[in-house]
C-alpha atoms as a PDB file:
ATOM      1  CA  MET A   1     -17.615 -17.528   0.881  1.00  0.00           C
ATOM      2  CA  THR A   2     -20.193 -14.811   1.560  1.00  0.00           C
ATOM      3  CA  PHE A   3     -20.432 -11.375  -0.015  1.00  0.00           C
ATOM      4  CA  VAL A   4     -20.521  -8.759   2.776  1.00  0.00           C
ATOM      5  CA  GLY A   5     -20.270  -5.548   0.794  1.00  0.00           C
ATOM      6  CA  SER A   6     -18.092  -3.290  -1.278  1.00  0.00           C
ATOM      7  CA  SER A   7     -16.343   0.042  -0.968  1.00  0.00           C
ATOM      8  CA  ILE A   8     -16.045   2.887  -3.455  1.00  0.00           C
ATOM      9  CA  ALA A   9     -12.685   4.665  -3.778  1.00  0.00           C
ATOM     10  CA  ASP A  10     -12.688   8.415  -3.244  1.00  0.00           C
ATOM     11  CA  ALA A  11     -11.817   9.246  -6.867  1.00  0.00           C
ATOM     12  CA  PRO A  12     -13.516   9.599 -10.243  1.00  0.00           C
ATOM     13  CA  PHE A  13     -14.356   6.429 -12.163  1.00  0.00           C
ATOM     14  CA  ASP A  14     -11.591   4.966 -14.330  1.00  0.00           C
ATOM     15  CA  THR A  15      -8.663   6.698 -12.580  1.00  0.00           C
ATOM     16  CA  SER A  16      -6.844   3.694 -11.009  1.00  0.00           C
ATOM     17  CA  ALA A  17      -7.727   4.823  -7.515  1.00  0.00           C
ATOM     18  CA  ALA A  18      -8.318   1.374  -6.000  1.00  0.00           C
ATOM     19  CA  GLU A  19      -6.045  -0.876  -7.994  1.00  0.00           C
ATOM     20  CA  ILE A  20      -4.419  -3.348  -5.575  1.00  0.00           C
ATOM     21  CA  VAL A  21      -5.984  -4.778  -2.399  1.00  0.00           C
ATOM     22  CA  ASN A  22      -4.364  -6.884   0.331  1.00  0.00           C
ATOM     23  CA  TYR A  23      -5.748  -8.295   3.602  1.00  0.00           C
ATOM     24  CA  ASP A  24      -3.990  -8.243   6.995  1.00  0.00           C
ATOM     25  CA  ALA A  25      -5.219 -10.957   9.367  1.00  0.00           C
ATOM     26  CA  CYS A  26      -3.382  -9.311  12.313  1.00  0.00           C
ATOM     27  CA  THR A  27      -5.630  -6.238  12.189  1.00  0.00           C
ATOM     28  CA  ASP A  28      -8.599  -7.598  10.177  1.00  0.00           C
ATOM     29  CA  LYS A  29      -8.150  -4.752   7.701  1.00  0.00           C
ATOM     30  CA  LEU A  30      -7.852  -4.288   3.955  1.00  0.00           C
ATOM     31  CA  TYR A  31      -5.047  -2.168   2.513  1.00  0.00           C
ATOM     32  CA  VAL A  32      -5.985  -0.566  -0.808  1.00  0.00           C
ATOM     33  CA  VAL A  33      -3.555   1.311  -3.069  1.00  0.00           C
ATOM     34  CA  ASN A  34      -5.008   4.722  -3.904  1.00  0.00           C
ATOM     35  CA  ALA A  35      -2.670   5.793  -6.689  1.00  0.00           C
ATOM     36  CA  GLN A  36      -4.437   9.078  -7.404  1.00  0.00           C
ATOM     37  CA  VAL A  37      -3.675  10.642  -4.011  1.00  0.00           C
ATOM     38  CA  LYS A  38      -0.378   8.902  -3.095  1.00  0.00           C
ATOM     39  CA  ARG A  39      -1.728   6.907  -0.181  1.00  0.00           C
ATOM     40  CA  VAL A  40      -2.907   3.497   0.929  1.00  0.00           C
ATOM     41  CA  ASP A  41      -6.487   3.454   2.208  1.00  0.00           C
ATOM     42  CA  VAL A  42      -7.191   1.244   5.227  1.00  0.00           C
ATOM     43  CA  LEU A  43     -10.621  -0.382   5.398  1.00  0.00           C
ATOM     44  CA  SER A  44     -12.061  -2.151   8.422  1.00  0.00           C
ATOM     45  CA  LEU A  45     -13.636  -5.577   8.130  1.00  0.00           C
ATOM     46  CA  ASN A  46     -14.617  -5.764  11.810  1.00  0.00           C
ATOM     47  CA  GLU A  47     -18.330  -5.563  11.085  1.00  0.00           C
ATOM     48  CA  SER A  48     -20.451  -7.990   9.125  1.00  0.00           C
ATOM     49  CA  SER A  49     -21.479  -5.039   6.962  1.00  0.00           C
ATOM     50  CA  ALA A  50     -19.697  -3.378   4.055  1.00  0.00           C
ATOM     51  CA  PRO A  51     -16.000  -2.531   4.493  1.00  0.00           C
ATOM     52  CA  SER A  52     -15.499   1.039   5.678  1.00  0.00           C
ATOM     53  CA  GLN A  53     -12.451   3.282   5.451  1.00  0.00           C
ATOM     54  CA  THR A  54     -11.000   3.851   8.908  1.00  0.00           C
ATOM     55  CA  ASP A  55      -7.610   5.376   8.114  1.00  0.00           C
ATOM     56  CA  PHE A  56      -4.970   5.809   5.436  1.00  0.00           C
ATOM     57  CA  ILE A  57      -1.193   5.773   5.050  1.00  0.00           C
ATOM     58  CA  ASP A  58       0.112   9.050   3.621  1.00  0.00           C
ATOM     59  CA  LEU A  59       3.088   8.005   1.507  1.00  0.00           C
ATOM     60  CA  THR A  60       4.752  11.432   1.297  1.00  0.00           C
ATOM     61  CA  ASP A  61       6.747  10.796   4.502  1.00  0.00           C
ATOM     62  CA  ALA A  62       8.334   7.751   2.863  1.00  0.00           C
ATOM     63  CA  GLY A  63       9.459   9.894  -0.059  1.00  0.00           C
ATOM     64  CA  THR A  64      10.902  12.491   2.307  1.00  0.00           C
ATOM     65  CA  SER A  65      12.690   9.778   4.288  1.00  0.00           C
ATOM     66  CA  ALA A  66      14.160   8.299   1.088  1.00  0.00           C
ATOM     67  CA  GLY A  67      15.012  11.692  -0.384  1.00  0.00           C
ATOM     68  CA  ILE A  68      12.847  11.357  -3.500  1.00  0.00           C
ATOM     69  CA  GLU A  69       9.729  13.025  -4.852  1.00  0.00           C
ATOM     70  CA  ILE A  70       7.277  10.158  -5.048  1.00  0.00           C
ATOM     71  CA  GLY A  71       4.836   9.374  -7.805  1.00  0.00           C
ATOM     72  CA  ALA A  72       2.022   6.829  -7.538  1.00  0.00           C
ATOM     73  CA  ALA A  73       1.864   3.777  -5.310  1.00  0.00           C
ATOM     74  CA  ASN A  74       1.783   0.659  -7.487  1.00  0.00           C
ATOM     75  CA  SER A  75       1.323  -2.267  -5.110  1.00  0.00           C
ATOM     76  CA  VAL A  76       0.802  -3.233  -1.467  1.00  0.00           C
ATOM     77  CA  ALA A  77       1.535  -6.462   0.430  1.00  0.00           C
ATOM     78  CA  VAL A  78       1.086  -7.471   4.074  1.00  0.00           C
ATOM     79  CA  PHE A  79       2.742 -10.042   6.300  1.00  0.00           C
ATOM     80  CA  ASN A  80       2.465 -10.601  10.046  1.00  0.00           C
ATOM     81  CA  GLY A  81       1.838  -6.976  11.017  1.00  0.00           C
ATOM     82  CA  LEU A  82       3.936  -5.390   8.258  1.00  0.00           C
ATOM     83  CA  VAL A  83       2.732  -3.427   5.227  1.00  0.00           C
ATOM     84  CA  ALA A  84       5.046  -3.010   2.209  1.00  0.00           C
ATOM     85  CA  VAL A  85       4.187  -0.446  -0.466  1.00  0.00           C
ATOM     86  CA  ALA A  86       5.869  -0.163  -3.892  1.00  0.00           C
ATOM     87  CA  ILE A  87       6.118   3.534  -4.828  1.00  0.00           C
ATOM     88  CA  GLU A  88       7.383   4.952  -8.103  1.00  0.00           C
ATOM     89  CA  ASN A  89       9.479   8.092  -8.404  1.00  0.00           C
ATOM     90  CA  ASN A  90       7.709  11.184  -9.738  1.00  0.00           C
ATOM     91  CA  ASN A  91      10.228  10.918 -12.602  1.00  0.00           C
ATOM     92  CA  LYS A  92       9.339   7.420 -13.816  1.00  0.00           C
ATOM     93  CA  GLN A  93      12.853   6.856 -15.188  1.00  0.00           C
ATOM     94  CA  GLU A  94      14.469   7.262 -11.747  1.00  0.00           C
ATOM     95  CA  ASP A  95      14.654   4.843  -8.825  1.00  0.00           C
ATOM     96  CA  GLY A  96      11.555   4.245  -6.739  1.00  0.00           C
ATOM     97  CA  LEU A  97      11.210   2.689  -3.299  1.00  0.00           C
ATOM     98  CA  ILE A  98       9.550   0.141  -1.085  1.00  0.00           C
ATOM     99  CA  ALA A  99       8.155   1.685   2.102  1.00  0.00           C
ATOM    100  CA  LEU A 100       7.657  -0.611   5.096  1.00  0.00           C
ATOM    101  CA  TYR A 101       5.010   0.238   7.721  1.00  0.00           C
ATOM    102  CA  ARG A 102       3.605  -1.283  10.918  1.00  0.00           C
ATOM    103  CA  SER A 103       0.009  -2.401  10.428  1.00  0.00           C
ATOM    104  CA  ASP A 104      -1.053  -1.666  14.021  1.00  0.00           C
ATOM    105  CA  ASP A 105      -0.242   2.071  14.073  1.00  0.00           C
ATOM    106  CA  LEU A 106       0.645   2.715  10.380  1.00  0.00           C
ATOM    107  CA  SER A 107       4.036   4.180  11.300  1.00  0.00           C
ATOM    108  CA  LEU A 108       6.867   4.140   8.767  1.00  0.00           C
ATOM    109  CA  ILE A 109       9.590   1.643   9.703  1.00  0.00           C
ATOM    110  CA  THR A 110      12.029   2.153   6.828  1.00  0.00           C
ATOM    111  CA  THR A 111      12.379   2.520   3.074  1.00  0.00           C
ATOM    112  CA  PHE A 112      14.322   0.467   0.532  1.00  0.00           C
ATOM    113  CA  LYS A 113      15.610   1.839  -2.775  1.00  0.00           C
ATOM    114  CA  THR A 114      14.421   0.011  -5.905  1.00  0.00           C
ATOM    115  CA  GLY A 115      14.859   0.458  -9.616  1.00  0.00           C
ATOM    116  CA  ALA A 116      12.448   2.463 -11.748  1.00  0.00           C
ATOM    117  CA  LEU A 117       8.707   1.770 -11.471  1.00  0.00           C
ATOM    118  CA  PRO A 118       8.612  -0.860  -8.693  1.00  0.00           C
ATOM    119  CA  ASP A 119       5.486  -2.979  -8.923  1.00  0.00           C
ATOM    120  CA  MET A 120       3.938  -6.182  -7.565  1.00  0.00           C
ATOM    121  CA  VAL A 121       5.565  -6.153  -4.129  1.00  0.00           C
ATOM    122  CA  GLY A 122       5.368  -9.347  -2.066  1.00  0.00           C
ATOM    123  CA  PHE A 123       6.776 -11.035   1.027  1.00  0.00           C
ATOM    124  CA  SER A 124       8.505 -14.403   1.008  1.00  0.00           C
ATOM    125  CA  LYS A 125       6.601 -17.223   2.696  1.00  0.00           C
ATOM    126  CA  ASP A 126       8.537 -16.757   5.953  1.00  0.00           C
ATOM    127  CA  GLY A 127       8.511 -12.935   5.766  1.00  0.00           C
ATOM    128  CA  ARG A 128      12.304 -12.629   5.669  1.00  0.00           C
ATOM    129  CA  TYR A 129      12.386 -11.099   2.187  1.00  0.00           C
ATOM    130  CA  ILE A 130      10.458  -8.509   0.206  1.00  0.00           C
ATOM    131  CA  ALA A 131      10.474  -8.865  -3.578  1.00  0.00           C
ATOM    132  CA  THR A 132       9.331  -6.427  -6.236  1.00  0.00           C
ATOM    133  CA  ALA A 133       9.266  -6.295 -10.001  1.00  0.00           C
ATOM    134  CA  ASN A 134      10.891  -3.238 -11.553  1.00  0.00           C
END
């Protein structure tokens, strides 16, 4: 294992901006939950230098699609070209959602209703299921 660099989240220190990180081998990118601005930052690992932000997933479209006002993103997971994001409701006592995106173009595929405060999203080993704690 070799250290190649680090990346600083675009938020003040100690604000949970870069809380959860997941790697997608299909695109050679890191997906980083940025809870402060309701998005997932996408960082490239194509170079042998420090990771650099190349794009982001704006999560507001997922909230609109699901018919809820979203709060913070709590977790991100990737599997075989798919990105799943656990997103809480702005009212933390109400149902949240899992938003599913394509990793190649970052387009929203669908959303799934969850209970309140979904967290720690993950794919089953074969990718057939998405699980979350809430």
